[in-house]
């Protein structure tokens, strides 16, 4: 339904989840390259920043899942 606030909220949450998943994938790609032998300076300027971003993204994804489970009974 157009201009339905619930629909808009769901669309926004979906976009947030996609962005957070993209953040975690970026971190995993960087970590894989470093674990594969590339020096971190050749992969990114500050790997600890990517680690923190990943930690935050994963935490927020987990929190969203918890909220959705409580609200909708989704597993």
N, C-alpha and C. Protein backbone atom coordinates (compact mmCIF):
# COMPACT_ATOMS: atom_id res chain seq x y z
N UNK A 1 0.86 -1.18 0.00
CA UNK A 1 0.00 0.00 0.00
C UNK A 1 0.90 1.23 0.00
N UNK A 2 0.62 2.15 -0.87
CA UNK A 2 1.43 3.35 -1.00
C UNK A 2 1.30 4.24 0.24
N UNK A 3 2.43 4.76 0.67
CA UNK A 3 2.51 5.65 1.83
C UNK A 3 2.08 4.98 3.14
N UNK A 4 2.04 3.67 3.16
CA UNK A 4 1.76 2.93 4.38
C UNK A 4 3.03 2.97 5.23
N UNK A 5 2.94 3.51 6.44
CA UNK A 5 4.13 3.67 7.26
C UNK A 5 4.77 2.33 7.62
N UNK A 6 3.96 1.29 7.80
CA UNK A 6 4.52 -0.03 8.08
C UNK A 6 5.33 -0.54 6.90
N UNK A 7 4.80 -0.35 5.69
CA UNK A 7 5.50 -0.77 4.49
C UNK A 7 6.81 0.00 4.33
N UNK A 8 6.76 1.30 4.56
CA UNK A 8 7.96 2.13 4.45
C UNK A 8 8.99 1.71 5.51
N UNK A 9 8.52 1.41 6.70
CA UNK A 9 9.42 0.96 7.77
C UNK A 9 10.08 -0.36 7.39
N UNK A 10 9.30 -1.27 6.85
CA UNK A 10 9.85 -2.56 6.43
C UNK A 10 10.89 -2.38 5.32
N UNK A 11 10.61 -1.49 4.38
CA UNK A 11 11.55 -1.23 3.30
C UNK A 11 12.85 -0.65 3.86
N UNK A 12 12.73 0.25 4.81
CA UNK A 12 13.91 0.86 5.43
C UNK A 12 14.73 -0.18 6.18
N UNK A 13 14.07 -1.01 6.96
CA UNK A 13 14.78 -2.05 7.70
C UNK A 13 15.47 -3.01 6.74
N UNK A 14 14.81 -3.36 5.64
CA UNK A 14 15.43 -4.24 4.64
C UNK A 14 16.69 -3.59 4.05
N UNK A 15 16.63 -2.31 3.76
CA UNK A 15 17.79 -1.60 3.21
C UNK A 15 18.92 -1.56 4.24
N UNK A 16 18.58 -1.34 5.49
CA UNK A 16 19.59 -1.31 6.56
C UNK A 16 20.25 -2.68 6.67
N UNK A 17 19.47 -3.74 6.65
CA UNK A 17 20.03 -5.09 6.77
C UNK A 17 20.93 -5.40 5.58
N UNK A 18 20.55 -5.00 4.37
CA UNK A 18 21.39 -5.23 3.20
C UNK A 18 22.71 -4.49 3.34
N UNK A 19 22.66 -3.26 3.82
CA UNK A 19 23.88 -2.47 3.98
C UNK A 19 24.78 -3.09 5.05
N UNK A 20 24.19 -3.53 6.15
CA UNK A 20 24.97 -4.16 7.21
C UNK A 20 25.62 -5.45 6.72
N UNK A 21 24.90 -6.23 5.94
CA UNK A 21 25.47 -7.46 5.38
C UNK A 21 26.61 -7.15 4.43
N UNK A 22 26.49 -6.06 3.69
CA UNK A 22 27.56 -5.63 2.79
C UNK A 22 28.80 -5.24 3.60
N UNK A 23 28.59 -4.59 4.74
CA UNK A 23 29.71 -4.22 5.62
C UNK A 23 30.43 -5.47 6.11
N UNK A 24 29.69 -6.47 6.54
CA UNK A 24 30.33 -7.69 7.05
C UNK A 24 31.06 -8.43 5.93
N UNK A 25 30.49 -8.41 4.73
CA UNK A 25 31.16 -9.05 3.59
C UNK A 25 32.46 -8.33 3.26
N UNK A 26 32.44 -7.01 3.29
CA UNK A 26 33.66 -6.24 3.02
C UNK A 26 34.76 -6.61 4.01
N UNK A 27 34.39 -6.70 5.27
CA UNK A 27 35.37 -7.06 6.30
C UNK A 27 35.92 -8.46 6.04
N UNK A 28 35.04 -9.40 5.75
CA UNK A 28 35.48 -10.78 5.52
C UNK A 28 36.41 -10.85 4.32
N UNK A 29 36.11 -10.08 3.28
CA UNK A 29 36.98 -10.06 2.10
C UNK A 29 38.37 -9.51 2.44
N UNK A 30 38.40 -8.44 3.22
CA UNK A 30 39.67 -7.85 3.65
C UNK A 30 40.44 -8.84 4.53
N UNK A 31 39.75 -9.43 5.48
CA UNK A 31 40.41 -10.38 6.39
C UNK A 31 40.94 -11.59 5.63
N UNK A 32 40.19 -12.05 4.65
CA UNK A 32 40.62 -13.20 3.85
C UNK A 32 41.92 -12.88 3.10
N UNK A 33 42.00 -11.67 2.56
CA UNK A 33 43.22 -11.27 1.85
C UNK A 33 44.41 -11.20 2.80
N UNK A 34 44.19 -10.65 3.99
CA UNK A 34 45.27 -10.55 4.98
C UNK A 34 45.68 -11.95 5.45
N UNK A 35 44.69 -12.79 5.74
CA UNK A 35 44.98 -14.16 6.16
C UNK A 35 45.68 -14.95 5.05
N UNK A 36 45.42 -14.55 3.80
CA UNK A 36 46.04 -15.22 2.65
C UNK A 36 47.48 -14.78 2.39
N UNK A 37 47.97 -13.85 3.18
CA UNK A 37 49.37 -13.48 3.07
C UNK A 37 49.64 -12.06 2.62
N UNK A 38 48.61 -11.35 2.16
CA UNK A 38 48.82 -9.96 1.77
C UNK A 38 49.07 -9.12 3.02
N UNK A 39 49.99 -8.19 2.89
CA UNK A 39 50.26 -7.31 4.03
C UNK A 39 49.10 -6.35 4.18
N UNK A 40 48.69 -6.10 5.42
CA UNK A 40 47.50 -5.29 5.67
C UNK A 40 47.61 -3.91 5.06
N UNK A 41 48.81 -3.36 4.96
CA UNK A 41 48.97 -2.03 4.38
C UNK A 41 48.62 -2.01 2.89
N UNK A 42 48.74 -3.16 2.24
CA UNK A 42 48.39 -3.26 0.82
C UNK A 42 46.90 -3.51 0.62
N UNK A 43 46.21 -3.88 1.68
CA UNK A 43 44.79 -4.21 1.60
C UNK A 43 43.93 -3.02 2.01
N UNK A 44 44.29 -2.37 3.11
CA UNK A 44 43.53 -1.22 3.59
C UNK A 44 44.40 -0.39 4.53
N UNK A 45 44.00 0.85 4.74
CA UNK A 45 44.80 1.75 5.58
C UNK A 45 44.77 1.35 7.05
N UNK A 46 43.59 1.04 7.55
CA UNK A 46 43.43 0.79 8.99
C UNK A 46 42.52 -0.41 9.21
N UNK A 47 43.06 -1.63 9.27
CA UNK A 47 42.21 -2.81 9.42
C UNK A 47 41.38 -2.80 10.70
N UNK A 48 41.89 -2.15 11.76
CA UNK A 48 41.13 -2.12 13.01
C UNK A 48 39.82 -1.34 12.86
N UNK A 49 39.79 -0.38 11.95
CA UNK A 49 38.55 0.34 11.69
C UNK A 49 37.53 -0.60 11.05
N UNK A 50 38.00 -1.40 10.09
CA UNK A 50 37.10 -2.36 9.45
C UNK A 50 36.62 -3.42 10.45
N UNK A 51 37.51 -3.81 11.37
CA UNK A 51 37.12 -4.75 12.41
C UNK A 51 36.00 -4.16 13.26
N UNK A 52 36.16 -2.90 13.66
CA UNK A 52 35.13 -2.24 14.48
C UNK A 52 33.82 -2.08 13.73
N UNK A 53 33.91 -1.72 12.46
CA UNK A 53 32.69 -1.59 11.65
C UNK A 53 31.99 -2.93 11.52
N UNK A 54 32.77 -3.99 11.32
CA UNK A 54 32.20 -5.33 11.22
C UNK A 54 31.53 -5.74 12.53
N UNK A 55 32.21 -5.49 13.62
CA UNK A 55 31.66 -5.83 14.93
C UNK A 55 30.33 -5.10 15.17
N UNK A 56 30.29 -3.84 14.82
CA UNK A 56 29.06 -3.05 14.98
C UNK A 56 27.95 -3.58 14.05
N UNK A 57 28.30 -3.86 12.80
CA UNK A 57 27.31 -4.35 11.83
C UNK A 57 26.74 -5.70 12.27
N UNK A 58 27.61 -6.61 12.70
CA UNK A 58 27.13 -7.92 13.15
C UNK A 58 26.25 -7.79 14.39
N UNK A 59 26.65 -6.91 15.30
CA UNK A 59 25.86 -6.70 16.51
C UNK A 59 24.48 -6.13 16.20
N UNK A 60 24.44 -5.19 15.28
CA UNK A 60 23.15 -4.60 14.91
C UNK A 60 22.27 -5.60 14.16
N UNK A 61 22.86 -6.40 13.29
CA UNK A 61 22.08 -7.45 12.61
C UNK A 61 21.50 -8.43 13.63
N UNK A 62 22.30 -8.82 14.61
CA UNK A 62 21.80 -9.72 15.66
C UNK A 62 20.67 -9.07 16.44
N UNK A 63 20.81 -7.78 16.74
CA UNK A 63 19.78 -7.07 17.49
C UNK A 63 18.49 -6.96 16.68
N UNK A 64 18.60 -6.68 15.40
CA UNK A 64 17.42 -6.60 14.53
C UNK A 64 16.70 -7.95 14.50
N UNK A 65 17.47 -9.04 14.39
CA UNK A 65 16.86 -10.38 14.40
C UNK A 65 16.10 -10.62 15.70
N UNK A 66 16.71 -10.21 16.82
CA UNK A 66 16.06 -10.37 18.12
C UNK A 66 14.76 -9.57 18.18
N UNK A 67 14.81 -8.30 17.73
CA UNK A 67 13.60 -7.47 17.73
C UNK A 67 12.52 -8.06 16.83
N UNK A 68 12.93 -8.54 15.65
CA UNK A 68 11.95 -9.13 14.73
C UNK A 68 11.34 -10.39 15.32
N UNK A 69 12.15 -11.18 15.98
CA UNK A 69 11.63 -12.40 16.62
C UNK A 69 10.60 -12.05 17.69
N UNK A 70 10.90 -11.02 18.49
CA UNK A 70 9.97 -10.61 19.53
C UNK A 70 8.70 -10.00 18.95
N UNK A 71 8.85 -9.22 17.88
CA UNK A 71 7.69 -8.56 17.29
C UNK A 71 6.82 -9.48 16.44
N UNK A 72 7.49 -10.31 15.65
CA UNK A 72 6.76 -11.10 14.64
C UNK A 72 6.82 -12.59 14.86
N UNK A 73 7.62 -13.03 15.81
CA UNK A 73 7.76 -14.46 16.03
C UNK A 73 8.58 -15.12 14.96
N UNK A 74 9.38 -14.33 14.20
CA UNK A 74 10.25 -14.89 13.14
C UNK A 74 11.46 -15.55 13.77
N UNK A 75 11.86 -16.65 13.20
CA UNK A 75 13.09 -17.33 13.68
C UNK A 75 14.23 -17.03 12.75
